[in-house]
Amino acid sequence: MFFTTTLLIDLMKDTLAMVLLLCAPVLTVATTVGVIITLIQAVTSLQESTLTFVPKVAACIGVLIFTAPWMVETLINHTTQMFSLMLEIAQHAGGRGG
């Protein structure tokens, strides 16, 4: 396997896609909770800043606890793939004499 520009671009795309995939649950919940709290604040005319912050943090912690096993498994799989690829590239480069 040759280390080419195409391979590097594919690795970057895969890594960025994985990062977005891992961030999506937390960002989705934080955004949804923020919109709901903002609507409640607009309807009730409450303008308390902690009213938005505390539920968002609590919801994000809940999502992190719930999705942590999946996130760790995904990160481990991605890291294993990267190290395997590095090993293949090193073996190929070693076979060429450097």
Protein backbone atom coordinates (compact mmCIF):
# COMPACT_ATOMS: atom_id res chain seq x y z
CA MET A 1 0.00 0.00 0.00
CA PHE A 2 1.42 3.31 -1.05
CA PHE A 3 1.03 6.44 1.05
CA THR A 4 -0.50 8.79 -1.49
CA THR A 5 -2.35 12.07 -1.40
CA THR A 6 -5.59 10.19 -2.10
CA LEU A 7 -5.02 7.94 0.90
CA LEU A 8 -4.29 10.95 3.09
CA ILE A 9 -7.48 12.69 1.93
CA ASP A 10 -9.50 9.54 2.59
CA LEU A 11 -8.02 9.27 6.08
CA MET A 12 -8.89 12.88 6.83
CA LYS A 13 -12.45 12.42 5.52
CA ASP A 14 -12.93 9.30 7.63
CA THR A 15 -11.55 11.00 10.72
CA LEU A 16 -13.69 14.12 10.30
CA ALA A 17 -16.77 11.99 9.65
CA MET A 18 -16.07 10.04 12.83
CA VAL A 19 -15.66 13.24 14.85
CA LEU A 20 -18.95 14.60 13.52
CA LEU A 21 -20.66 11.28 14.24
CA LEU A 22 -19.38 11.28 17.82
CA CYS A 23 -20.34 14.92 18.42
CA ALA A 24 -23.80 14.66 16.85
CA PRO A 25 -25.75 13.21 19.79
CA VAL A 26 -24.49 15.81 22.28
CA LEU A 27 -24.87 18.72 19.87
CA THR A 28 -28.36 17.62 18.85
CA VAL A 29 -29.55 17.32 22.45
CA ALA A 30 -27.93 20.62 23.48
CA THR A 31 -29.52 22.43 20.54
CA THR A 32 -32.94 20.86 21.12
CA VAL A 33 -32.91 21.63 24.85
CA GLY A 34 -31.74 25.18 24.13
CA VAL A 35 -34.56 25.79 21.65
CA ILE A 36 -37.18 24.34 24.02
CA ILE A 37 -35.93 26.44 26.95
CA THR A 38 -35.79 29.54 24.76
CA LEU A 39 -39.39 28.98 23.68
CA ILE A 40 -40.45 28.54 27.29
CA GLN A 41 -38.60 31.73 28.24
CA ALA A 42 -40.26 33.64 25.39
CA VAL A 43 -43.73 32.42 26.34
CA THR A 44 -43.32 33.06 30.08
CA SER A 45 -41.13 36.20 29.77
CA LEU A 46 -38.45 34.68 32.01
CA GLN A 47 -34.95 35.92 31.22
CA GLU A 48 -32.80 33.92 33.61
CA SER A 49 -29.48 32.81 32.09
CA THR A 50 -29.06 29.82 34.39
CA LEU A 51 -32.43 28.52 33.24
CA THR A 52 -30.84 27.79 29.87
CA PHE A 53 -27.43 26.64 31.09
CA VAL A 54 -28.35 24.08 33.75
CA PRO A 55 -30.79 21.98 31.65
CA LYS A 56 -28.36 21.94 28.72
CA VAL A 57 -25.52 20.70 30.91
CA ALA A 58 -27.74 18.09 32.56
CA ALA A 59 -29.03 16.86 29.19
CA CYS A 60 -25.51 16.70 27.73
CA ILE A 61 -24.23 14.74 30.72
CA GLY A 62 -27.15 12.34 30.34
CA VAL A 63 -26.42 11.84 26.65
CA LEU A 64 -22.72 11.33 27.33
CA ILE A 65 -23.49 8.69 29.96
CA PHE A 66 -25.94 6.97 27.64
CA THR A 67 -23.72 7.03 24.53
CA ALA A 68 -20.30 6.58 26.19
CA PRO A 69 -19.99 2.83 25.43
CA TRP A 70 -20.76 3.43 21.75
CA MET A 71 -18.39 6.41 21.59
CA VAL A 72 -15.54 4.47 23.18
CA GLU A 73 -16.11 1.49 20.88
CA THR A 74 -16.14 3.77 17.83
CA LEU A 75 -12.93 5.50 18.92
CA ILE A 76 -11.19 2.20 19.62
CA ASN A 77 -12.18 0.82 16.21
CA HIS A 78 -10.98 3.97 14.44
CA THR A 79 -7.69 3.99 16.37
CA THR A 80 -7.13 0.30 15.63
CA GLN A 81 -7.70 0.94 11.93
CA MET A 82 -5.23 3.86 11.98
CA PHE A 83 -2.52 1.83 13.71
CA SER A 84 -3.07 -1.10 11.32
CA LEU A 85 -2.74 1.26 8.38
CA MET A 86 0.45 2.77 9.83
CA LEU A 87 1.85 -0.74 10.22
CA GLU A 88 1.01 -1.61 6.60
CA ILE A 89 2.62 1.60 5.36
CA ALA A 90 5.74 1.01 7.49
CA GLN A 91 6.05 -2.58 6.27
CA HIS A 92 5.67 -1.46 2.67
CA ALA A 93 8.25 1.29 3.13
CA GLY A 94 10.58 -1.18 4.85
CA GLY A 95 10.21 -3.63 1.97
CA ARG A 96 11.35 -0.93 -0.45
CA GLY A 97 14.48 -0.30 1.57
CA GLY A 98 13.32 2.87 3.31
